[in-house]
Amino acid sequence: MRTLILYPSDYFNIRKPDPDYEYEYREAVRFPDLMAVFYNYDEFAVTGRFKFYPVDLKPGPCIYRGWMLKPDQYGYLYDTLLEQDVRLVNSPEEYRLCHEFPNVYPYIKGSTPRMTVFRQDEPVDWQEIRKQYGRFLIKDYVKSVKGSDFPAYFDASYTDQQLDGYLERFKNLRGSLFDGGIVIKEYVDLAKVQGRTNEYRAFILDGNVLSVTANSNQDASRPRVPMSLVRQFTGLNSHFYTVDFAELEDGSWTIIETGDGQVSGLSPNQLVFPFYEGIVNRG
């Protein structure tokens, strides 16, 4: 039975992959055991309905390779496919586990910076945050904001009023992508050379390491994340997920992020053919 790989389609032609996923698609279809399927992401975003090509999907396992979906959107996609006897590799519960960081935090606590979670309608106790953290960053359940002048971290010099203002600005910057609630996370110093951190992304599939690749355009001479550390986190309650590791200034390693493997991008310069070869040979 072939595994379906579901890609977002080109905006103008549902029979073609979106340009962002065209190279992945071309490598994937080189394998007879894989079959490409497309869906109209833009139409889904507007109408809330999925349109697939081909229309009559062949029953079997499926892996989604596309942009992030909120948990309720993923759940709807999962149920829609299941009506045609197509089963995504991760259940909605498995998707939520690694997609929303507070869910996975208990499994990796001690190997990632400390964090405090506030529900979306819950005010942040800045006085308590200042007691717990020397420096901290603001994010939601999934992402922080990058590519803007939003501060990389905050400390005790900020007043409650200033922090409340930044909190509202954060929500506005995230906009419709805002997910879950607010996460206050301990800020740690990452090792840098010429402004570049040393990060690695590990894809885990069915409890096995699918790939571990440099994820921050770092120099090839930088230390690699120890495989012994990567293997410690191959048993999370999800079939397909990613764990991002980063080197700290003192030479140790920390987990900075996790993600569902279906919506996590490949690392810069990652070889695509071996990635799909690993999917085919997963057992």
C-alpha atoms as a PDB file:
ATOM      1  CA  MET A   1       0.000   0.000   0.000  1.00  0.00           C
ATOM      2  CA  ARG A   2       1.437   3.357  -1.027  1.00  0.00           C
ATOM      3  CA  THR A   3       1.803   6.239   1.401  1.00  0.00           C
ATOM      4  CA  LEU A   4       0.106   9.450   0.333  1.00  0.00           C
ATOM      5  CA  ILE A   5       2.086  12.674   0.709  1.00  0.00           C
ATOM      6  CA  LEU A   6      -0.273  15.647   0.959  1.00  0.00           C
ATOM      7  CA  TYR A   7       1.044  18.994  -0.315  1.00  0.00           C
ATOM      8  CA  PRO A   8      -0.583  22.417  -0.618  1.00  0.00           C
ATOM      9  CA  SER A   9      -1.364  23.107  -4.260  1.00  0.00           C
ATOM     10  CA  ASP A  10      -0.378  25.973  -6.507  1.00  0.00           C
ATOM     11  CA  TYR A  11      -2.749  28.919  -6.085  1.00  0.00           C
ATOM     12  CA  PHE A  12      -3.841  28.774  -9.727  1.00  0.00           C
ATOM     13  CA  ASN A  13      -3.661  25.028 -10.377  1.00  0.00           C
ATOM     14  CA  ILE A  14      -4.708  22.360  -7.867  1.00  0.00           C
ATOM     15  CA  ARG A  15      -2.953  19.721  -9.993  1.00  0.00           C
ATOM     16  CA  LYS A  16       0.465  21.178  -9.134  1.00  0.00           C
ATOM     17  CA  PRO A  17       2.308  21.681  -5.828  1.00  0.00           C
ATOM     18  CA  ASP A  18       2.804  25.106  -4.348  1.00  0.00           C
ATOM     19  CA  PRO A  19       6.230  26.439  -5.468  1.00  0.00           C
ATOM     20  CA  ASP A  20       7.484  26.272  -1.878  1.00  0.00           C
ATOM     21  CA  TYR A  21       7.020  22.484  -1.933  1.00  0.00           C
ATOM     22  CA  GLU A  22       7.796  21.762  -5.573  1.00  0.00           C
ATOM     23  CA  TYR A  23      11.298  20.420  -4.935  1.00  0.00           C
ATOM     24  CA  GLU A  24      10.084  18.139  -2.134  1.00  0.00           C
ATOM     25  CA  TYR A  25       7.342  16.890  -4.449  1.00  0.00           C
ATOM     26  CA  ARG A  26       9.765  16.148  -7.297  1.00  0.00           C
ATOM     27  CA  GLU A  27      11.994  14.111  -4.991  1.00  0.00           C
ATOM     28  CA  ALA A  28       9.106  12.284  -3.306  1.00  0.00           C
ATOM     29  CA  VAL A  29       7.490  11.040  -6.525  1.00  0.00           C
ATOM     30  CA  ARG A  30      10.739   9.329  -7.493  1.00  0.00           C
ATOM     31  CA  PHE A  31       9.678   6.615  -5.028  1.00  0.00           C
ATOM     32  CA  PRO A  32       7.031   4.159  -6.307  1.00  0.00           C
ATOM     33  CA  ASP A  33       5.864   3.666  -2.708  1.00  0.00           C
ATOM     34  CA  LEU A  34       4.834   7.319  -2.405  1.00  0.00           C
ATOM     35  CA  MET A  35       1.944   9.086  -4.118  1.00  0.00           C
ATOM     36  CA  ALA A  36       1.475  12.859  -4.169  1.00  0.00           C
ATOM     37  CA  VAL A  37      -1.889  14.435  -3.358  1.00  0.00           C
ATOM     38  CA  PHE A  38      -2.674  18.161  -3.397  1.00  0.00           C
ATOM     39  CA  TYR A  39      -5.151  20.318  -1.527  1.00  0.00           C
ATOM     40  CA  ASN A  40      -6.140  23.931  -2.030  1.00  0.00           C
ATOM     41  CA  TYR A  41      -4.779  25.699   1.053  1.00  0.00           C
ATOM     42  CA  ASP A  42      -5.994  29.136   0.007  1.00  0.00           C
ATOM     43  CA  GLU A  43      -9.548  27.949  -0.550  1.00  0.00           C
ATOM     44  CA  PHE A  44      -9.500  26.218   2.813  1.00  0.00           C
ATOM     45  CA  ALA A  45      -8.306  29.434   4.491  1.00  0.00           C
ATOM     46  CA  VAL A  46     -11.257  31.339   2.974  1.00  0.00           C
ATOM     47  CA  THR A  47     -14.078  28.776   2.954  1.00  0.00           C
ATOM     48  CA  GLY A  48     -13.002  26.263   5.589  1.00  0.00           C
ATOM     49  CA  ARG A  49     -13.459  23.422   3.107  1.00  0.00           C
ATOM     50  CA  PHE A  50     -10.843  21.096   1.657  1.00  0.00           C
ATOM     51  CA  LYS A  51     -10.608  20.354  -2.068  1.00  0.00           C
ATOM     52  CA  PHE A  52      -8.257  17.546  -3.078  1.00  0.00           C
ATOM     53  CA  TYR A  53      -6.615  16.379  -6.275  1.00  0.00           C
ATOM     54  CA  PRO A  54      -7.100  13.656  -7.227  1.00  0.00           C
ATOM     55  CA  VAL A  55     -10.709  13.802  -6.040  1.00  0.00           C
ATOM     56  CA  ASP A  56     -11.012  10.091  -5.279  1.00  0.00           C
ATOM     57  CA  LEU A  57      -8.209   9.390  -2.839  1.00  0.00           C
ATOM     58  CA  LYS A  58      -6.842   5.891  -2.501  1.00  0.00           C
ATOM     59  CA  PRO A  59      -7.210   4.543   1.061  1.00  0.00           C
ATOM     60  CA  GLY A  60      -4.007   4.253   3.057  1.00  0.00           C
ATOM     61  CA  PRO A  61      -1.547   6.063   5.305  1.00  0.00           C
ATOM     62  CA  CYS A  62      -0.836   9.735   4.677  1.00  0.00           C
ATOM     63  CA  ILE A  63       1.795  12.286   5.674  1.00  0.00           C
ATOM     64  CA  TYR A  64       1.002  15.984   5.382  1.00  0.00           C
ATOM     65  CA  ARG A  65       3.843  18.252   4.233  1.00  0.00           C
ATOM     66  CA  GLY A  66       2.692  21.828   4.390  1.00  0.00           C
ATOM     67  CA  TRP A  67       2.263  24.961   6.405  1.00  0.00           C
ATOM     68  CA  MET A  68       1.272  25.029  10.053  1.00  0.00           C
ATOM     69  CA  LEU A  69      -2.353  24.387  10.894  1.00  0.00           C
ATOM     70  CA  LYS A  70      -4.000  25.280  14.160  1.00  0.00           C
ATOM     71  CA  PRO A  71      -4.996  22.171  16.130  1.00  0.00           C
ATOM     72  CA  ASP A  72      -8.692  22.514  15.253  1.00  0.00           C
ATOM     73  CA  GLN A  73      -7.812  22.902  11.562  1.00  0.00           C
ATOM     74  CA  TYR A  74      -5.621  19.832  11.698  1.00  0.00           C
ATOM     75  CA  GLY A  75      -8.384  17.919  13.440  1.00  0.00           C
ATOM     76  CA  TYR A  76     -10.798  18.845  10.660  1.00  0.00           C
ATOM     77  CA  LEU A  77      -8.279  17.749   8.017  1.00  0.00           C
ATOM     78  CA  TYR A  78      -7.747  14.476   9.878  1.00  0.00           C
ATOM     79  CA  ASP A  79     -11.479  13.744  10.043  1.00  0.00           C
ATOM     80  CA  THR A  80     -12.055  14.777   6.415  1.00  0.00           C
ATOM     81  CA  LEU A  81      -9.374  12.386   5.184  1.00  0.00           C
ATOM     82  CA  LEU A  82     -10.540   9.615   7.475  1.00  0.00           C
ATOM     83  CA  GLU A  83     -13.944   9.717   5.765  1.00  0.00           C
ATOM     84  CA  GLN A  84     -12.105   8.477   2.662  1.00  0.00           C
ATOM     85  CA  ASP A  85     -10.147   5.823   4.614  1.00  0.00           C
ATOM     86  CA  VAL A  86      -7.006   7.979   4.496  1.00  0.00           C
ATOM     87  CA  ARG A  87      -5.241   8.179   7.858  1.00  0.00           C
ATOM     88  CA  LEU A  88      -2.742  10.908   8.664  1.00  0.00           C
ATOM     89  CA  VAL A  89       0.422   9.704  10.408  1.00  0.00           C
ATOM     90  CA  ASN A  90      -0.418  11.702  13.542  1.00  0.00           C
ATOM     91  CA  SER A  91      -3.755  11.835  15.310  1.00  0.00           C
ATOM     92  CA  PRO A  92      -5.028  15.289  16.364  1.00  0.00           C
ATOM     93  CA  GLU A  93      -3.785  14.569  19.895  1.00  0.00           C
ATOM     94  CA  GLU A  94      -0.329  13.657  18.605  1.00  0.00           C
ATOM     95  CA  TYR A  95      -0.253  16.772  16.455  1.00  0.00           C
ATOM     96  CA  ARG A  96      -1.098  18.992  19.409  1.00  0.00           C
ATOM     97  CA  LEU A  97       1.544  17.361  21.630  1.00  0.00           C
ATOM     98  CA  CYS A  98       4.611  18.642  19.793  1.00  0.00           C
ATOM     99  CA  HIS A  99       2.992  21.581  17.992  1.00  0.00           C
ATOM    100  CA  GLU A 100       2.038  23.384  21.203  1.00  0.00           C
ATOM    101  CA  PHE A 101       5.102  23.613  23.432  1.00  0.00           C
ATOM    102  CA  PRO A 102       3.319  23.563  26.821  1.00  0.00           C
ATOM    103  CA  ASN A 103       1.996  20.088  25.988  1.00  0.00           C
ATOM    104  CA  VAL A 104       5.427  18.581  25.350  1.00  0.00           C
ATOM    105  CA  TYR A 105       7.198  20.509  28.121  1.00  0.00           C
ATOM    106  CA  PRO A 106       6.632  17.868  30.852  1.00  0.00           C
ATOM    107  CA  TYR A 107       8.414  15.281  28.650  1.00  0.00           C
ATOM    108  CA  ILE A 108      11.516  17.430  28.059  1.00  0.00           C
ATOM    109  CA  LYS A 109      11.632  19.428  31.292  1.00  0.00           C
ATOM    110  CA  GLY A 110      15.203  19.670  32.504  1.00  0.00           C
ATOM    111  CA  SER A 111      16.551  19.672  28.947  1.00  0.00           C
ATOM    112  CA  THR A 112      14.923  22.940  27.904  1.00  0.00           C
ATOM    113  CA  PRO A 113      14.686  26.421  29.465  1.00  0.00           C
ATOM    114  CA  ARG A 114      12.101  26.883  32.203  1.00  0.00           C
ATOM    115  CA  MET A 115       8.700  28.305  31.295  1.00  0.00           C
ATOM    116  CA  THR A 116       5.432  29.550  32.798  1.00  0.00           C
ATOM    117  CA  VAL A 117       2.129  29.262  30.940  1.00  0.00           C
ATOM    118  CA  PHE A 118      -0.857  31.608  31.066  1.00  0.00           C
ATOM    119  CA  ARG A 119      -4.190  30.891  29.411  1.00  0.00           C
ATOM    120  CA  GLN A 120      -5.345  33.329  26.754  1.00  0.00           C
ATOM    121  CA  ASP A 121      -7.811  35.024  29.135  1.00  0.00           C
ATOM    122  CA  GLU A 122      -5.473  34.914  32.156  1.00  0.00           C
ATOM    123  CA  PRO A 123      -3.502  38.035  33.164  1.00  0.00           C
ATOM    124  CA  VAL A 124       0.265  37.632  33.428  1.00  0.00           C
ATOM    125  CA  ASP A 125       1.614  38.075  36.963  1.00  0.00           C
ATOM    126  CA  TRP A 126       4.662  40.167  36.086  1.00  0.00           C
ATOM    127  CA  GLN A 127       5.755  40.488  39.713  1.00  0.00           C
ATOM    128  CA  GLU A 128       6.007  36.705  40.006  1.00  0.00           C
ATOM    129  CA  ILE A 129       7.720  36.453  36.602  1.00  0.00           C
ATOM    130  CA  ARG A 130      10.388  38.923  37.680  1.00  0.00           C
ATOM    131  CA  LYS A 131      11.019  36.831  40.803  1.00  0.00           C
ATOM    132  CA  GLN A 132      11.436  33.617  38.801  1.00  0.00           C
ATOM    133  CA  TYR A 133      13.415  34.789  35.788  1.00  0.00           C
ATOM    134  CA  GLY A 134      16.403  37.063  35.373  1.00  0.00           C
ATOM    135  CA  ARG A 135      15.669  37.356  31.646  1.00  0.00           C
ATOM    136  CA  PHE A 136      12.688  36.010  29.758  1.00  0.00           C
ATOM    137  CA  LEU A 137      10.989  36.059  26.387  1.00  0.00           C
ATOM    138  CA  ILE A 138       7.331  36.210  25.386  1.00  0.00           C
ATOM    139  CA  LYS A 139       5.781  33.685  23.003  1.00  0.00           C
ATOM    140  CA  ASP A 140       2.487  31.911  22.474  1.00  0.00           C
ATOM    141  CA  TYR A 141       2.007  28.144  22.616  1.00  0.00           C
ATOM    142  CA  VAL A 142       3.763  27.772  19.246  1.00  0.00           C
ATOM    143  CA  LYS A 143       5.961  30.709  18.242  1.00  0.00           C
ATOM    144  CA  SER A 144       7.689  33.916  19.252  1.00  0.00           C
ATOM    145  CA  VAL A 145       7.966  36.865  16.867  1.00  0.00           C
ATOM    146  CA  LYS A 146      11.032  37.369  14.706  1.00  0.00           C
ATOM    147  CA  GLY A 147      12.048  39.785  11.993  1.00  0.00           C
ATOM    148  CA  SER A 148      10.808  42.874  13.867  1.00  0.00           C
ATOM    149  CA  ASP A 149      12.092  45.268  16.510  1.00  0.00           C
ATOM    150  CA  PHE A 150      10.254  43.344  19.230  1.00  0.00           C
ATOM    151  CA  PRO A 151      12.751  42.807  22.084  1.00  0.00           C
ATOM    152  CA  ALA A 152      14.570  39.473  22.064  1.00  0.00           C
ATOM    153  CA  TYR A 153      14.161  39.309  25.850  1.00  0.00           C
ATOM    154  CA  PHE A 154      12.955  41.256  28.869  1.00  0.00           C
ATOM    155  CA  ASP A 155      14.286  41.636  32.406  1.00  0.00           C
ATOM    156  CA  ALA A 156      13.428  43.189  35.764  1.00  0.00           C
ATOM    157  CA  SER A 157      14.008  46.722  34.442  1.00  0.00           C
ATOM    158  CA  TYR A 158      10.642  46.642  32.623  1.00  0.00           C
ATOM    159  CA  THR A 159       7.567  47.884  34.503  1.00  0.00           C
ATOM    160  CA  ASP A 160       4.226  46.069  34.563  1.00  0.00           C
ATOM    161  CA  GLN A 161       2.771  48.743  32.298  1.00  0.00           C
ATOM    162  CA  GLN A 162       5.580  48.352  29.762  1.00  0.00           C
ATOM    163  CA  LEU A 163       5.266  44.578  29.786  1.00  0.00           C
ATOM    164  CA  ASP A 164       1.497  44.716  29.340  1.00  0.00           C
ATOM    165  CA  GLY A 165       2.076  46.980  26.351  1.00  0.00           C
ATOM    166  CA  TYR A 166       4.553  44.563  24.804  1.00  0.00           C
ATOM    167  CA  LEU A 167       2.181  41.691  25.488  1.00  0.00           C
ATOM    168  CA  GLU A 168      -0.566  43.387  23.469  1.00  0.00           C
ATOM    169  CA  ARG A 169       1.907  44.218  20.738  1.00  0.00           C
ATOM    170  CA  PHE A 170       2.995  40.584  20.630  1.00  0.00           C
ATOM    171  CA  LYS A 171      -0.609  39.453  20.155  1.00  0.00           C
ATOM    172  CA  ASN A 172      -1.086  41.998  17.383  1.00  0.00           C
ATOM    173  CA  LEU A 173       2.099  40.866  15.627  1.00  0.00           C
ATOM    174  CA  ARG A 174       0.992  37.245  15.763  1.00  0.00           C
ATOM    175  CA  GLY A 175      -2.500  38.217  14.611  1.00  0.00           C
ATOM    176  CA  SER A 176      -4.547  35.287  13.332  1.00  0.00           C
ATOM    177  CA  LEU A 177      -1.546  33.016  13.939  1.00  0.00           C
ATOM    178  CA  PHE A 178      -1.769  33.533  17.701  1.00  0.00           C
ATOM    179  CA  ASP A 179      -2.135  30.069  19.216  1.00  0.00           C
ATOM    180  CA  GLY A 180      -3.279  28.980  22.661  1.00  0.00           C
ATOM    181  CA  GLY A 181      -2.110  31.369  25.336  1.00  0.00           C
ATOM    182  CA  ILE A 182       1.008  33.138  26.576  1.00  0.00           C
ATOM    183  CA  VAL A 183       4.258  31.387  27.432  1.00  0.00           C
ATOM    184  CA  ILE A 184       6.952  33.181  29.441  1.00  0.00           C
ATOM    185  CA  LYS A 185      10.201  31.357  28.769  1.00  0.00           C
ATOM    186  CA  GLU A 186      13.601  31.672  30.376  1.00  0.00           C
ATOM    187  CA  TYR A 187      16.084  33.395  28.061  1.00  0.00           C
ATOM    188  CA  VAL A 188      19.399  31.578  27.685  1.00  0.00           C
ATOM    189  CA  ASP A 189      22.620  32.563  25.920  1.00  0.00           C
ATOM    190  CA  LEU A 190      23.263  30.493  22.813  1.00  0.00           C
ATOM    191  CA  ALA A 191      26.749  29.976  21.436  1.00  0.00           C
ATOM    192  CA  LYS A 192      27.361  32.229  18.428  1.00  0.00           C
ATOM    193  CA  VAL A 193      30.114  32.627  15.851  1.00  0.00           C
ATOM    194  CA  GLN A 194      29.844  35.668  13.593  1.00  0.00           C
ATOM    195  CA  GLY A 195      26.301  36.132  14.800  1.00  0.00           C
ATOM    196  CA  ARG A 196      25.187  32.609  13.903  1.00  0.00           C
ATOM    197  CA  THR A 197      23.896  30.143  16.441  1.00  0.00           C
ATOM    198  CA  ASN A 198      24.630  26.414  16.298  1.00  0.00           C
ATOM    199  CA  GLU A 199      21.290  24.659  15.913  1.00  0.00           C
ATOM    200  CA  TYR A 200      20.244  21.215  14.710  1.00  0.00           C
ATOM    201  CA  ARG A 201      16.826  19.858  13.764  1.00  0.00           C
ATOM    202  CA  ALA A 202      16.061  16.190  14.344  1.00  0.00           C
ATOM    203  CA  PHE A 203      13.141  14.515  12.576  1.00  0.00           C
ATOM    204  CA  ILE A 204      11.816  11.523  14.502  1.00  0.00           C
ATOM    205  CA  LEU A 205       9.574   9.015  12.706  1.00  0.00           C
ATOM    206  CA  ASP A 206       8.046   6.001  14.454  1.00  0.00           C
ATOM    207  CA  GLY A 207      10.594   6.204  17.246  1.00  0.00           C
ATOM    208  CA  ASN A 208      13.601   6.316  14.900  1.00  0.00           C
ATOM    209  CA  VAL A 209      15.880   9.210  13.983  1.00  0.00           C
ATOM    210  CA  LEU A 210      14.996  10.074  10.392  1.00  0.00           C
ATOM    211  CA  SER A 211      17.528  12.910  10.045  1.00  0.00           C
ATOM    212  CA  VAL A 212      19.634  15.331  12.086  1.00  0.00           C
ATOM    213  CA  THR A 213      20.777  18.382  10.139  1.00  0.00           C
ATOM    214  CA  ALA A 214      22.256  21.822  10.745  1.00  0.00           C
ATOM    215  CA  ASN A 215      19.442  24.341  11.031  1.00  0.00           C
ATOM    216  CA  SER A 216      21.031  27.789  11.357  1.00  0.00           C
ATOM    217  CA  ASN A 217      23.424  28.118   8.400  1.00  0.00           C
ATOM    218  CA  GLN A 218      26.297  27.615  10.805  1.00  0.00           C
ATOM    219  CA  ASP A 219      29.844  26.829   9.756  1.00  0.00           C
ATOM    220  CA  ALA A 220      30.428  23.126   9.135  1.00  0.00           C
ATOM    221  CA  SER A 221      33.281  23.077  11.651  1.00  0.00           C
ATOM    222  CA  ARG A 222      30.938  23.769  14.582  1.00  0.00           C
ATOM    223  CA  PRO A 223      30.226  20.910  17.040  1.00  0.00           C
ATOM    224  CA  ARG A 224      27.362  18.567  16.163  1.00  0.00           C
ATOM    225  CA  VAL A 225      24.585  17.815  18.615  1.00  0.00           C
ATOM    226  CA  PRO A 226      25.448  14.513  20.327  1.00  0.00           C
ATOM    227  CA  MET A 227      23.389  11.626  18.949  1.00  0.00           C
ATOM    228  CA  SER A 228      23.170  10.229  22.472  1.00  0.00           C
ATOM    229  CA  LEU A 229      21.175  13.352  23.392  1.00  0.00           C
ATOM    230  CA  VAL A 230      18.956  13.151  20.312  1.00  0.00           C
ATOM    231  CA  ARG A 231      18.081   9.514  21.034  1.00  0.00           C
ATOM    232  CA  GLN A 232      16.867  10.434  24.512  1.00  0.00           C
ATOM    233  CA  PHE A 233      13.846  12.072  22.882  1.00  0.00           C
ATOM    234  CA  THR A 234      12.774   9.469  20.333  1.00  0.00           C
ATOM    235  CA  GLY A 235       9.977   8.170  22.547  1.00  0.00           C
ATOM    236  CA  LEU A 236       7.534  11.079  22.664  1.00  0.00           C
ATOM    237  CA  ASN A 237       3.869  10.191  22.173  1.00  0.00           C
ATOM    238  CA  SER A 238       3.784  11.097  18.492  1.00  0.00           C
ATOM    239  CA  HIS A 239       4.609   9.162  15.339  1.00  0.00           C
ATOM    240  CA  PHE A 240       6.286  12.045  13.489  1.00  0.00           C
ATOM    241  CA  TYR A 241       7.829  15.131  15.102  1.00  0.00           C
ATOM    242  CA  THR A 242      10.875  17.367  15.274  1.00  0.00           C
ATOM    243  CA  VAL A 243      13.145  18.414  18.124  1.00  0.00           C
ATOM    244  CA  ASP A 244      15.384  21.465  17.705  1.00  0.00           C
ATOM    245  CA  PHE A 245      18.633  21.543  19.668  1.00  0.00           C
ATOM    246  CA  ALA A 246      20.987  24.487  20.194  1.00  0.00           C
ATOM    247  CA  GLU A 247      24.474  24.789  21.661  1.00  0.00           C
ATOM    248  CA  LEU A 248      24.753  27.027  24.732  1.00  0.00           C
ATOM    249  CA  GLU A 249      27.656  29.365  25.414  1.00  0.00           C
ATOM    250  CA  ASP A 250      29.140  26.888  27.885  1.00  0.00           C
ATOM    251  CA  GLY A 251      29.224  24.137  25.223  1.00  0.00           C
ATOM    252  CA  SER A 252      26.268  22.169  26.543  1.00  0.00           C
ATOM    253  CA  TRP A 253      23.066  21.624  24.539  1.00  0.00           C
ATOM    254  CA  THR A 254      19.434  22.532  25.098  1.00  0.00           C
ATOM    255  CA  ILE A 255      16.107  21.918  23.377  1.00  0.00           C
ATOM    256  CA  ILE A 256      14.727  25.180  22.041  1.00  0.00           C
ATOM    257  CA  GLU A 257      11.648  23.937  20.193  1.00  0.00           C
ATOM    258  CA  THR A 258       9.606  20.947  19.114  1.00  0.00           C
ATOM    259  CA  GLY A 259       7.166  20.631  16.244  1.00  0.00           C
ATOM    260  CA  ASP A 260       4.925  18.248  14.413  1.00  0.00           C
ATOM    261  CA  GLY A 261       7.026  16.616  11.705  1.00  0.00           C
ATOM    262  CA  GLN A 262       4.421  17.283   9.037  1.00  0.00           C
ATOM    263  CA  VAL A 263       4.564  21.083   9.366  1.00  0.00           C
ATOM    264  CA  SER A 264       8.257  21.438  10.237  1.00  0.00           C
ATOM    265  CA  GLY A 265      10.423  22.707   7.413  1.00  0.00           C
ATOM    266  CA  LEU A 266      13.508  20.891   6.257  1.00  0.00           C
ATOM    267  CA  SER A 267      16.793  22.411   7.372  1.00  0.00           C
ATOM    268  CA  PRO A 268      18.727  24.720   5.051  1.00  0.00           C
ATOM    269  CA  ASN A 269      20.686  22.619   2.543  1.00  0.00           C
ATOM    270  CA  GLN A 270      19.129  19.381   3.827  1.00  0.00           C
ATOM    271  CA  LEU A 271      19.193  16.637   1.209  1.00  0.00           C
ATOM    272  CA  VAL A 272      15.585  15.926   0.293  1.00  0.00           C
ATOM    273  CA  PHE A 273      15.961  12.513  -1.386  1.00  0.00           C
ATOM    274  CA  PRO A 274      17.372  10.768   1.752  1.00  0.00           C
ATOM    275  CA  PHE A 275      14.592  12.371   3.805  1.00  0.00           C
ATOM    276  CA  TYR A 276      11.915  10.704   1.691  1.00  0.00           C
ATOM    277  CA  GLU A 277      13.968   7.535   1.403  1.00  0.00           C
ATOM    278  CA  GLY A 278      13.818   7.324   5.191  1.00  0.00           C
ATOM    279  CA  ILE A 279      10.032   7.717   5.075  1.00  0.00           C
ATOM    280  CA  VAL A 280       9.769   4.873   2.561  1.00  0.00           C
ATOM    281  CA  ASN A 281      12.061   2.600   4.577  1.00  0.00           C
ATOM    282  CA  ARG A 282      10.586   3.390   7.974  1.00  0.00           C
ATOM    283  CA  GLY A 283       9.579  -0.209   8.461  1.00  0.00           C
END
